[in-house]
Amino acid sequence: MITVLSYVGILSGFLVFTTVTYLGLLKIKLI
C-alpha cells in the first residue's frame, strides 16, 4: 500500500512539474 501511495505521489509531482515547465516555456515564447 505504501509503495502504491509513494508511486502515485511521485507521478502527480512529475505531472505538476511538467505542467509548470510547459507553461513557463509558453510564457517565454509569448514574451
Protein backbone atom coordinates (compact mmCIF):
# COMPACT_ATOMS: atom_id res chain seq x y z
CA MET A 1 0.00 0.00 0.00
CA ILE A 2 2.82 2.40 0.91
CA THR A 3 4.55 1.64 -2.39
CA VAL A 4 1.39 2.47 -4.37
CA LEU A 5 0.89 5.74 -2.49
CA SER A 6 4.50 6.80 -3.00
CA TYR A 7 4.27 5.90 -6.69
CA VAL A 8 1.11 7.99 -7.09
CA GLY A 9 2.75 10.88 -5.24
CA ILE A 10 5.83 10.79 -7.48
CA LEU A 11 3.64 10.54 -10.59
CA SER A 12 1.43 13.50 -9.58
CA GLY A 13 4.51 15.53 -8.65
CA PHE A 14 6.07 14.78 -12.03
CA LEU A 15 2.86 15.83 -13.80
CA VAL A 16 2.74 19.12 -11.88
CA PHE A 17 6.43 19.77 -12.61
CA THR A 18 5.92 19.07 -16.32
CA THR A 19 2.86 21.35 -16.49
CA VAL A 20 4.66 24.23 -14.72
CA THR A 21 7.70 23.86 -17.00
CA TYR A 22 5.47 23.75 -20.09
CA LEU A 23 3.59 26.89 -19.02
CA GLY A 24 6.90 28.62 -18.26
CA LEU A 25 8.24 27.83 -21.72
CA LEU A 26 4.95 29.02 -23.23
CA LYS A 27 5.27 32.36 -21.39
CA ILE A 28 8.87 32.78 -22.58
CA LYS A 29 7.81 32.06 -26.16
CA LEU A 30 4.94 34.57 -25.97
CA ILE A 31 7.17 37.27 -24.45
